[in-house]
Amino acid sequence: MSNSLISAILIDDEEHCLKTLSWNLNEFCPEIKILGTANNGKEGLNLINQLNPDLVFLDIEMPVMNGLEMLAKFDKINFKVIFTTAYNEYAIKAIKLNAIDYLLKPIDKDDLRTAISKLSAINSELTSRKIQNLKYNMSVSTDLQRITVGTFEGVQFFDLKEITFLEADSNYTMLHFFDGTKILSSRTLKEYEEILPQESFFRCHHSFIVNFRYIKKYIKGEGGEIELSNGLKIAVSRRKKQEFIDWISM
């Protein structure tokens, strides 16, 4: 997708959302050519098969067939996807965990332009794998299960239960795993704090987030220390001490 037009299909069950998005694309994104619109996943599926777009703007929650159910119908996803969704904390966390682009309704034109500008860096095959992760997270329960980790070498996929703790490393984050391996992620620790499930992960210190699954014991002190099941000790900040004690006592 260089200087040529990017063909797109818009799928949303709310007619006013389709009209607003169409207007914004025509007004602010001249590189996007709208091939058609659909009001549910079933219509969207037929339209994609007929028109073979480069890009699909896709609402998640729709009647008849939702966005994820529609994507599950494709053996191979050879188009790029930008989710459009009303605010739902769980859905947004699942999308962020898997590093898939999305636009929050009502859609802001600057956010739209930013999403479009990132399209050239998106690989359709990788998008397909990310969406598989997202579908798994959204279908299992309200407990997020899998994460996409962007590294300097590419993208890797992990189960959250494999992570023992996360450590701030300047503007990056080092993920520590149960088997002793470490992965440097391009996300900040604050980003992970916002998207990881709070019932399982806790930011106990400016530099650390711990996984409840691997806490062996808490050692009292001014802030105290957490001993993990692998023997490593993680500091608890004085400011976070009481909040941490309340969290492990729930």
Protein backbone atom coordinates (compact mmCIF):
# COMPACT_ATOMS: atom_id res chain seq x y z
CA MET A 1 0.00 0.00 0.00
CA SER A 2 2.18 2.82 -1.24
CA ASN A 3 0.66 5.68 -3.23
CA SER A 4 -2.20 3.64 -4.69
CA LEU A 5 -5.73 3.75 -3.38
CA ILE A 6 -6.65 1.45 -0.50
CA SER A 7 -9.95 -0.30 -1.13
CA ALA A 8 -12.14 -0.63 1.96
CA ILE A 9 -15.40 -2.10 3.21
CA LEU A 10 -17.24 -0.71 6.25
CA ILE A 11 -19.25 -3.10 8.44
CA ASP A 12 -21.44 -1.80 11.27
CA ASP A 13 -25.02 -2.44 12.39
CA GLU A 14 -25.59 1.25 13.16
CA GLU A 15 -26.43 3.19 10.01
CA HIS A 16 -25.36 6.54 11.47
CA CYS A 17 -21.93 5.09 12.31
CA LEU A 18 -21.51 3.93 8.71
CA LYS A 19 -22.49 7.36 7.41
CA THR A 20 -20.18 9.18 9.83
CA LEU A 21 -17.21 6.92 9.06
CA SER A 22 -17.86 7.19 5.31
CA TRP A 23 -17.95 10.98 5.55
CA ASN A 24 -14.74 11.11 7.60
CA LEU A 25 -12.92 8.82 5.17
CA ASN A 26 -14.06 10.82 2.13
CA GLU A 27 -13.19 14.11 3.84
CA PHE A 28 -9.89 13.31 5.54
CA CYS A 29 -8.53 10.10 3.98
CA PRO A 30 -8.46 10.52 0.18
CA GLU A 31 -6.30 7.41 -0.17
CA ILE A 32 -9.22 5.23 0.95
CA LYS A 33 -11.68 4.06 -1.70
CA ILE A 34 -14.92 2.76 -0.14
CA LEU A 35 -16.16 -0.26 -2.09
CA GLY A 36 -19.29 -0.80 -0.02
CA THR A 37 -20.91 -1.04 3.41
CA ALA A 38 -22.72 -3.78 5.32
CA ASN A 39 -25.00 -3.81 8.37
CA ASN A 40 -23.96 -7.16 9.89
CA GLY A 41 -21.34 -9.87 9.69
CA LYS A 42 -23.30 -12.02 7.24
CA GLU A 43 -23.64 -9.17 4.75
CA GLY A 44 -20.02 -8.23 5.39
CA LEU A 45 -18.83 -11.76 4.69
CA ASN A 46 -20.57 -11.79 1.30
CA LEU A 47 -19.28 -8.33 0.44
CA ILE A 48 -15.67 -9.19 1.28
CA ASN A 49 -15.82 -12.37 -0.81
CA GLN A 50 -17.29 -10.43 -3.72
CA LEU A 51 -15.07 -7.35 -3.65
CA ASN A 52 -11.77 -8.55 -2.10
CA PRO A 53 -10.90 -5.30 -0.24
CA ASP A 54 -7.49 -4.28 1.11
CA LEU A 55 -9.02 -3.10 4.38
CA VAL A 56 -12.12 -3.77 6.51
CA PHE A 57 -13.46 -1.40 9.16
CA LEU A 58 -15.30 -3.81 11.44
CA ASP A 59 -17.65 -3.38 14.37
CA ILE A 60 -17.41 -6.23 16.90
CA GLU A 61 -20.85 -6.37 18.48
CA MET A 62 -23.53 -6.82 15.81
CA PRO A 63 -26.72 -8.88 15.48
CA VAL A 64 -27.03 -11.94 13.19
CA MET A 65 -23.26 -12.47 13.08
CA ASN A 66 -20.78 -10.37 15.06
CA GLY A 67 -17.42 -9.25 13.80
CA LEU A 68 -15.38 -12.06 15.33
CA GLU A 69 -17.83 -14.71 14.14
CA MET A 70 -17.54 -13.25 10.66
CA LEU A 71 -13.73 -13.36 10.74
CA ALA A 72 -13.88 -17.00 11.88
CA LYS A 73 -15.51 -17.87 8.54
CA PHE A 74 -12.31 -17.07 6.63
CA ASP A 75 -9.73 -19.81 6.22
CA LYS A 76 -7.19 -17.08 5.54
CA ILE A 77 -7.57 -13.37 6.26
CA ASN A 78 -5.91 -11.59 3.33
CA PHE A 79 -7.16 -8.13 4.21
CA LYS A 80 -6.26 -5.71 6.99
CA VAL A 81 -8.67 -5.01 9.83
CA ILE A 82 -9.37 -1.91 11.91
CA PHE A 83 -11.97 -2.57 14.59
CA THR A 84 -14.53 0.12 15.32
CA THR A 85 -16.21 -0.26 18.68
CA ALA A 86 -18.13 1.52 21.38
CA TYR A 87 -16.33 1.52 24.72
CA ASN A 88 -16.23 -1.86 26.41
CA GLU A 89 -13.32 -2.21 28.82
CA TYR A 90 -12.91 -5.95 28.34
CA ALA A 91 -13.07 -5.77 24.53
CA ILE A 92 -10.58 -2.90 24.40
CA LYS A 93 -8.14 -4.73 26.69
CA ALA A 94 -8.38 -7.84 24.51
CA ILE A 95 -7.71 -5.79 21.37
CA LYS A 96 -4.78 -3.94 22.98
CA LEU A 97 -3.26 -7.16 24.31
CA ASN A 98 -3.12 -8.47 20.77
CA ALA A 99 -1.89 -5.20 19.25
CA ILE A 100 -4.71 -4.91 16.71
CA ASP A 101 -5.67 -1.42 15.62
CA TYR A 102 -9.05 -0.08 16.66
CA LEU A 103 -11.07 3.12 16.66
CA LEU A 104 -13.26 4.09 19.56
CA LYS A 105 -16.73 5.42 18.76
CA PRO A 106 -17.48 8.22 18.19
CA ILE A 107 -14.52 8.12 15.82
CA ASP A 108 -12.15 11.08 15.96
CA LYS A 109 -10.72 12.21 12.60
CA ASP A 110 -7.17 12.46 14.02
CA ASP A 111 -7.37 8.90 15.38
CA LEU A 112 -8.67 7.80 11.99
CA ARG A 113 -5.78 9.45 10.18
CA THR A 114 -3.31 7.83 12.59
CA ALA A 115 -4.82 4.38 12.04
CA ILE A 116 -4.67 4.82 8.26
CA SER A 117 -1.05 5.99 8.40
CA LYS A 118 -0.05 2.77 10.18
CA LEU A 119 -1.57 0.46 7.56
CA SER A 120 1.61 0.02 5.53
CA ALA A 121 3.33 -1.54 8.55
CA ILE A 122 0.56 -4.10 9.06
CA ASN A 123 1.10 -7.58 7.67
CA SER A 124 -2.12 -9.42 6.73
CA GLU A 125 -0.76 -12.83 7.72
CA LEU A 126 0.33 -11.48 11.10
CA THR A 127 -3.06 -9.80 11.49
CA SER A 128 -4.67 -13.20 10.99
CA ARG A 129 -2.66 -14.67 13.87
CA LYS A 130 -3.44 -11.71 16.10
CA ILE A 131 -7.13 -12.10 15.36
CA GLN A 132 -6.96 -15.80 16.26
CA ASN A 133 -5.56 -14.72 19.63
CA LEU A 134 -8.27 -12.10 19.99
CA LYS A 135 -11.05 -14.57 19.19
CA TYR A 136 -9.65 -16.95 21.81
CA ASN A 137 -9.51 -14.20 24.43
CA MET A 138 -13.04 -13.02 23.66
CA SER A 139 -14.59 -16.49 23.63
CA VAL A 140 -13.06 -18.22 26.65
CA SER A 141 -14.44 -16.01 29.42
CA THR A 142 -13.86 -12.54 30.82
CA ASP A 143 -10.33 -13.65 31.76
CA LEU A 144 -7.84 -12.55 29.12
CA GLN A 145 -5.63 -15.46 28.17
CA ARG A 146 -3.12 -14.62 25.45
CA ILE A 147 -0.93 -11.68 24.56
CA THR A 148 0.89 -10.43 21.49
CA VAL A 149 4.35 -9.07 22.35
CA GLY A 150 6.03 -6.73 19.90
CA THR A 151 9.80 -7.07 20.07
CA PHE A 152 12.67 -5.66 18.02
CA GLU A 153 12.80 -8.94 16.07
CA GLY A 154 9.08 -9.09 15.32
CA VAL A 155 5.99 -10.29 17.15
CA GLN A 156 5.64 -13.25 19.51
CA PHE A 157 2.59 -14.84 21.13
CA PHE A 158 2.35 -16.02 24.75
CA ASP A 159 -0.16 -17.26 27.29
CA LEU A 160 -0.44 -14.77 30.16
CA LYS A 161 -0.03 -17.60 32.66
CA GLU A 162 3.57 -18.06 31.43
CA ILE A 163 4.63 -14.58 32.63
CA THR A 164 6.00 -14.45 36.19
CA PHE A 165 6.68 -10.70 36.33
CA LEU A 166 7.31 -7.64 34.17
CA GLU A 167 10.15 -5.19 34.73
CA ALA A 168 10.51 -1.62 33.47
CA ASP A 169 13.53 -1.11 31.23
CA SER A 170 13.66 2.59 30.32
CA ASN A 171 10.79 3.07 27.84
CA TYR A 172 10.55 -0.68 27.26
CA THR A 173 9.48 -3.66 29.36
CA MET A 174 11.31 -6.90 30.10
CA LEU A 175 8.91 -9.84 30.39
CA HIS A 176 10.16 -12.65 32.62
CA PHE A 177 8.75 -16.13 32.03
CA PHE A 178 8.35 -19.20 34.22
CA ASP A 179 10.96 -21.15 32.24
CA GLY A 180 13.57 -18.44 32.90
CA THR A 181 13.47 -16.80 29.48
CA LYS A 182 13.21 -13.02 29.08
CA ILE A 183 11.74 -10.97 26.25
CA LEU A 184 12.20 -7.22 25.77
CA SER A 185 8.93 -5.64 24.64
CA SER A 186 8.49 -2.29 22.93
CA ARG A 187 5.53 -1.46 25.22
CA THR A 188 6.03 0.55 28.41
CA LEU A 189 5.25 -0.90 31.83
CA LYS A 190 2.39 1.61 32.15
CA GLU A 191 0.81 0.23 28.97
CA TYR A 192 0.97 -3.28 30.40
CA GLU A 193 -0.49 -2.05 33.68
CA GLU A 194 -3.50 -0.68 31.78
CA ILE A 195 -4.23 -3.77 29.71
CA LEU A 196 -3.30 -6.76 31.87
CA PRO A 197 -6.18 -8.25 33.92
CA GLN A 198 -6.08 -6.66 37.39
CA GLU A 199 -7.25 -9.83 39.12
CA SER A 200 -4.05 -11.58 38.01
CA PHE A 201 -1.41 -8.84 37.69
CA PHE A 202 -0.45 -6.09 40.13
CA ARG A 203 1.99 -3.20 39.82
CA CYS A 204 3.69 -3.45 43.18
CA HIS A 205 6.47 -0.99 42.40
CA HIS A 206 7.40 1.70 39.88
CA SER A 207 9.51 -0.92 38.11
CA PHE A 208 7.57 -4.16 38.57
CA ILE A 209 4.28 -5.91 37.81
CA VAL A 210 3.83 -9.38 39.33
CA ASN A 211 1.62 -12.31 38.38
CA PHE A 212 -0.44 -13.53 41.34
CA ARG A 213 -0.03 -17.11 40.12
CA TYR A 214 3.69 -17.07 41.01
CA ILE A 215 3.64 -15.30 44.39
CA LYS A 216 4.98 -17.66 47.06
CA LYS A 217 4.93 -15.28 50.03
CA TYR A 218 5.04 -11.66 51.13
CA ILE A 219 7.91 -10.60 53.41
CA LYS A 220 7.09 -7.66 55.68
CA GLY A 221 9.18 -4.50 55.63
CA GLU A 222 8.88 -0.76 55.01
CA GLY A 223 7.40 -1.68 51.67
CA GLY A 224 8.21 -5.33 51.88
CA GLU A 225 9.20 -7.94 49.33
CA ILE A 226 7.44 -10.56 47.28
CA GLU A 227 9.10 -13.93 46.98
CA LEU A 228 8.17 -15.70 43.76
CA SER A 229 7.87 -19.44 43.31
CA ASN A 230 11.22 -19.48 41.47
CA GLY A 231 12.96 -17.88 44.48
CA LEU A 232 13.33 -14.38 43.03
CA LYS A 233 12.39 -11.44 45.24
CA ILE A 234 10.52 -8.36 44.01
CA ALA A 235 10.32 -5.10 45.96
CA VAL A 236 6.97 -3.64 47.00
CA SER A 237 7.01 0.14 47.21
CA ARG A 238 5.94 1.77 50.47
CA ARG A 239 3.18 3.60 48.60
CA LYS A 240 1.80 0.35 47.16
CA LYS A 241 2.12 -1.77 50.32
CA GLN A 242 -1.42 -1.57 51.68
CA GLU A 243 -3.00 -1.81 48.25
CA PHE A 244 -0.93 -4.92 47.55
CA ILE A 245 -1.90 -6.53 50.88
CA ASP A 246 -5.57 -5.83 50.12
CA TRP A 247 -5.14 -7.31 46.63
CA ILE A 248 -3.59 -10.61 47.75
CA SER A 249 -6.22 -10.89 50.50
CA MET A 250 -9.20 -10.74 48.11
